[in-house]
């Protein structure tokens, strides 16, 4: 089972690495709709990606998820130019 603290640390590292701004623009694109911020949306995405890829939060997961999230954000930015 994933510890929330570990998922949040990994999420924070991804948010910082990709310079994701505060706000709510990513909720519908990355989250499940119940999130209240971009951070929570990324956290939901991270939790789902970890489960899907059967990864544990940590350095290897960061190296794996960083390009995947970057690609996802690029796709989102193409459809939502205001990001």
N, C-alpha and C. Protein backbone atom coordinates (compact mmCIF):
# COMPACT_ATOMS: atom_id res chain seq x y z
N UNK A 1 0.84 -1.19 0.00
CA UNK A 1 0.00 0.00 0.00
C UNK A 1 0.88 1.25 0.00
N UNK A 2 0.46 2.23 -0.75
CA UNK A 2 1.22 3.47 -0.86
C UNK A 2 0.94 4.38 0.33
N UNK A 3 2.00 4.88 0.93
CA UNK A 3 1.84 5.84 2.02
C UNK A 3 1.59 7.21 1.42
N UNK A 4 0.61 7.91 1.97
CA UNK A 4 0.25 9.22 1.44
C UNK A 4 1.45 10.18 1.48
N UNK A 5 2.21 10.13 2.55
CA UNK A 5 3.38 11.01 2.70
C UNK A 5 4.38 10.78 1.57
N UNK A 6 4.62 9.52 1.22
CA UNK A 6 5.57 9.21 0.15
C UNK A 6 5.06 9.71 -1.20
N UNK A 7 3.76 9.54 -1.44
CA UNK A 7 3.17 10.01 -2.70
C UNK A 7 3.24 11.53 -2.76
N UNK A 8 2.99 12.20 -1.65
CA UNK A 8 3.04 13.67 -1.62
C UNK A 8 4.46 14.18 -1.87
N UNK A 9 5.46 13.50 -1.33
CA UNK A 9 6.86 13.90 -1.56
C UNK A 9 7.21 13.76 -3.03
N UNK A 10 6.81 12.66 -3.64
CA UNK A 10 7.07 12.44 -5.05
C UNK A 10 6.32 13.48 -5.89
N UNK A 11 5.09 13.76 -5.51
CA UNK A 11 4.30 14.78 -6.21
C UNK A 11 4.98 16.14 -6.11
N UNK A 12 5.44 16.50 -4.93
CA UNK A 12 6.11 17.79 -4.73
C UNK A 12 7.35 17.88 -5.62
N UNK A 13 8.12 16.80 -5.71
CA UNK A 13 9.32 16.80 -6.55
C UNK A 13 8.95 17.02 -8.02
N UNK A 14 7.87 16.38 -8.47
CA UNK A 14 7.44 16.54 -9.86
C UNK A 14 6.91 17.95 -10.12
N UNK A 15 6.15 18.48 -9.18
CA UNK A 15 5.60 19.84 -9.32
C UNK A 15 6.74 20.85 -9.42
N UNK A 16 7.76 20.68 -8.59
CA UNK A 16 8.90 21.59 -8.61
C UNK A 16 9.69 21.41 -9.91
N UNK A 17 9.98 20.17 -10.27
CA UNK A 17 10.79 19.91 -11.46
C UNK A 17 10.13 20.44 -12.74
N UNK A 18 8.80 20.38 -12.79
CA UNK A 18 8.10 20.82 -13.99
C UNK A 18 7.50 22.22 -13.84
N UNK A 19 7.83 22.87 -12.72
CA UNK A 19 7.38 24.24 -12.49
C UNK A 19 5.87 24.40 -12.69
N UNK A 20 5.12 23.51 -12.07
CA UNK A 20 3.66 23.55 -12.17
C UNK A 20 3.13 24.62 -11.23
N UNK A 21 2.39 25.54 -11.78
CA UNK A 21 1.88 26.69 -11.02
C UNK A 21 0.71 26.28 -10.14
N UNK A 22 0.52 27.02 -9.04
CA UNK A 22 -0.69 26.81 -8.24
C UNK A 22 -1.90 27.15 -9.10
N UNK A 23 -3.02 26.66 -8.73
CA UNK A 23 -4.24 26.93 -9.46
C UNK A 23 -5.09 25.68 -9.57
N UNK A 24 -6.02 25.71 -10.50
CA UNK A 24 -6.96 24.60 -10.66
C UNK A 24 -7.05 24.09 -12.09
N UNK A 25 -6.23 24.59 -12.98
CA UNK A 25 -6.35 24.29 -14.41
C UNK A 25 -6.15 22.82 -14.75
N UNK A 26 -5.43 22.08 -13.92
CA UNK A 26 -5.11 20.69 -14.25
C UNK A 26 -6.06 19.67 -13.65
N UNK A 27 -7.03 20.12 -12.88
CA UNK A 27 -7.92 19.19 -12.18
C UNK A 27 -8.62 18.25 -13.14
N UNK A 28 -9.23 18.76 -14.17
CA UNK A 28 -9.97 17.90 -15.09
C UNK A 28 -9.06 17.09 -16.00
N UNK A 29 -7.87 17.60 -16.27
CA UNK A 29 -6.95 16.91 -17.18
C UNK A 29 -6.14 15.81 -16.51
N UNK A 30 -5.77 16.01 -15.25
CA UNK A 30 -4.93 15.04 -14.56
C UNK A 30 -5.64 14.33 -13.42
N UNK A 31 -6.57 15.02 -12.82
CA UNK A 31 -7.23 14.48 -11.64
C UNK A 31 -8.47 13.67 -11.98
N UNK A 32 -9.24 13.42 -10.95
CA UNK A 32 -10.47 12.67 -11.10
C UNK A 32 -11.69 13.56 -10.95
N UNK A 33 -11.45 14.85 -10.72
CA UNK A 33 -12.55 15.80 -10.62
C UNK A 33 -12.86 16.26 -9.21
N UNK A 34 -12.40 15.56 -8.21
CA UNK A 34 -12.69 15.94 -6.82
C UNK A 34 -11.56 16.77 -6.19
N UNK A 35 -10.48 16.91 -6.90
CA UNK A 35 -9.33 17.66 -6.37
C UNK A 35 -9.65 19.16 -6.31
N UNK A 36 -8.91 19.86 -5.47
CA UNK A 36 -9.16 21.29 -5.31
C UNK A 36 -7.99 22.16 -5.79
N UNK A 37 -6.93 21.52 -6.30
CA UNK A 37 -5.76 22.29 -6.74
C UNK A 37 -4.96 21.48 -7.76
N UNK A 38 -4.08 22.16 -8.45
CA UNK A 38 -3.18 21.49 -9.38
C UNK A 38 -2.33 20.45 -8.65
N UNK A 39 -1.88 20.78 -7.45
CA UNK A 39 -1.07 19.83 -6.68
C UNK A 39 -1.84 18.54 -6.43
N UNK A 40 -3.09 18.67 -6.00
CA UNK A 40 -3.91 17.49 -5.74
C UNK A 40 -4.18 16.71 -7.02
N UNK A 41 -4.34 17.42 -8.14
CA UNK A 41 -4.55 16.75 -9.43
C UNK A 41 -3.31 15.94 -9.81
N UNK A 42 -2.14 16.54 -9.64
CA UNK A 42 -0.90 15.82 -9.93
C UNK A 42 -0.75 14.64 -8.96
N UNK A 43 -1.11 14.84 -7.72
CA UNK A 43 -1.04 13.76 -6.74
C UNK A 43 -1.92 12.58 -7.16
N UNK A 44 -3.11 12.85 -7.64
CA UNK A 44 -3.99 11.78 -8.13
C UNK A 44 -3.37 11.07 -9.32
N UNK A 45 -2.79 11.86 -10.23
CA UNK A 45 -2.13 11.28 -11.39
C UNK A 45 -0.96 10.40 -10.96
N UNK A 46 -0.17 10.88 -10.00
CA UNK A 46 0.98 10.12 -9.50
C UNK A 46 0.52 8.81 -8.88
N UNK A 47 -0.50 8.87 -8.04
CA UNK A 47 -1.00 7.65 -7.37
C UNK A 47 -1.46 6.63 -8.42
N UNK A 48 -2.18 7.08 -9.43
CA UNK A 48 -2.67 6.18 -10.49
C UNK A 48 -1.50 5.62 -11.30
N UNK A 49 -0.52 6.47 -11.61
CA UNK A 49 0.64 6.03 -12.40
C UNK A 49 1.47 5.02 -11.62
N UNK A 50 1.66 5.24 -10.33
CA UNK A 50 2.41 4.30 -9.51
C UNK A 50 1.72 2.94 -9.49
N UNK A 51 0.41 2.96 -9.34
CA UNK A 51 -0.35 1.70 -9.32
C UNK A 51 -0.29 1.01 -10.69
N UNK A 52 -0.47 1.79 -11.74
CA UNK A 52 -0.48 1.23 -13.10
C UNK A 52 0.88 0.62 -13.45
N UNK A 53 1.94 1.32 -13.10
CA UNK A 53 3.30 0.87 -13.43
C UNK A 53 3.90 -0.04 -12.35
N UNK A 54 3.16 -0.24 -11.29
CA UNK A 54 3.60 -1.05 -10.15
C UNK A 54 4.95 -0.57 -9.62
N UNK A 55 5.02 0.75 -9.38
CA UNK A 55 6.22 1.38 -8.85
C UNK A 55 6.00 1.78 -7.40
N UNK A 56 7.08 1.88 -6.67
CA UNK A 56 7.04 2.43 -5.32
C UNK A 56 7.59 3.85 -5.40
N UNK A 57 7.04 4.76 -4.59
CA UNK A 57 7.57 6.13 -4.61
C UNK A 57 9.06 6.13 -4.28
N UNK A 58 9.81 6.88 -5.03
CA UNK A 58 11.25 6.96 -4.80
C UNK A 58 11.95 7.50 -6.03
N UNK A 59 13.26 7.41 -6.01
CA UNK A 59 14.08 7.98 -7.08
C UNK A 59 13.77 7.34 -8.44
N UNK A 60 13.63 6.02 -8.48
CA UNK A 60 13.34 5.35 -9.74
C UNK A 60 11.98 5.80 -10.27
N UNK A 61 11.00 5.91 -9.39
CA UNK A 61 9.67 6.36 -9.81
C UNK A 61 9.73 7.78 -10.34
N UNK A 62 10.50 8.63 -9.68
CA UNK A 62 10.66 10.01 -10.14
C UNK A 62 11.26 10.03 -11.55
N UNK A 63 12.29 9.25 -11.78
CA UNK A 63 12.92 9.19 -13.09
C UNK A 63 11.98 8.66 -14.16
N UNK A 64 11.09 7.78 -13.77
CA UNK A 64 10.15 7.19 -14.71
C UNK A 64 8.95 8.10 -14.97
N UNK A 65 8.44 8.71 -13.90
CA UNK A 65 7.22 9.51 -14.02
C UNK A 65 7.46 10.92 -14.56
N UNK A 66 8.65 11.45 -14.36
CA UNK A 66 8.94 12.81 -14.83
C UNK A 66 8.70 12.98 -16.33
N UNK A 67 9.29 12.13 -17.18
CA UNK A 67 9.01 12.31 -18.62
C UNK A 67 7.56 12.01 -18.98
N UNK A 68 6.94 11.08 -18.27
CA UNK A 68 5.53 10.74 -18.55
C UNK A 68 4.62 11.92 -18.22
N UNK A 69 4.85 12.56 -17.09
CA UNK A 69 4.03 13.71 -16.72
C UNK A 69 4.33 14.89 -17.63
N UNK A 70 5.58 15.08 -17.97
CA UNK A 70 5.94 16.16 -18.88
C UNK A 70 5.22 15.99 -20.23
N UNK A 71 5.18 14.78 -20.72
CA UNK A 71 4.48 14.50 -21.97
C UNK A 71 2.98 14.75 -21.83
N UNK A 72 2.42 14.33 -20.72
CA UNK A 72 0.99 14.54 -20.47
C UNK A 72 0.67 16.03 -20.41
N UNK A 73 1.51 16.78 -19.73
CA UNK A 73 1.30 18.23 -19.63
C UNK A 73 1.44 18.90 -20.99
N UNK A 74 2.34 18.41 -21.81
CA UNK A 74 2.49 18.95 -23.16
C UNK A 74 1.21 18.73 -23.95
N UNK A 75 0.64 17.54 -23.83
CA UNK A 75 -0.63 17.24 -24.50
C UNK A 75 -1.73 18.14 -23.99
N UNK A 76 -1.78 18.34 -22.68
CA UNK A 76 -2.80 19.21 -22.08
C UNK A 76 -2.62 20.64 -22.55
N UNK A 77 -1.39 21.11 -22.60
CA UNK A 77 -1.14 22.50 -23.01
C UNK A 77 -1.54 22.75 -24.46
N UNK A 78 -1.49 21.72 -25.28
CA UNK A 78 -1.93 21.87 -26.67
C UNK A 78 -3.43 22.05 -26.78
N UNK A 79 -4.16 21.45 -25.83
CA UNK A 79 -5.62 21.55 -25.87
C UNK A 79 -6.14 22.72 -25.04
N UNK A 80 -5.33 23.17 -24.08
CA UNK A 80 -5.71 24.29 -23.21
C UNK A 80 -4.61 25.35 -23.26
N UNK A 81 -4.59 26.18 -24.27
CA UNK A 81 -3.48 27.13 -24.46
C UNK A 81 -3.27 28.13 -23.33
N UNK A 82 -4.22 28.30 -22.42
CA UNK A 82 -4.07 29.25 -21.34
C UNK A 82 -3.15 28.76 -20.24
N UNK A 83 -2.71 27.50 -20.28
CA UNK A 83 -1.81 26.98 -19.25
C UNK A 83 -0.42 27.52 -19.39
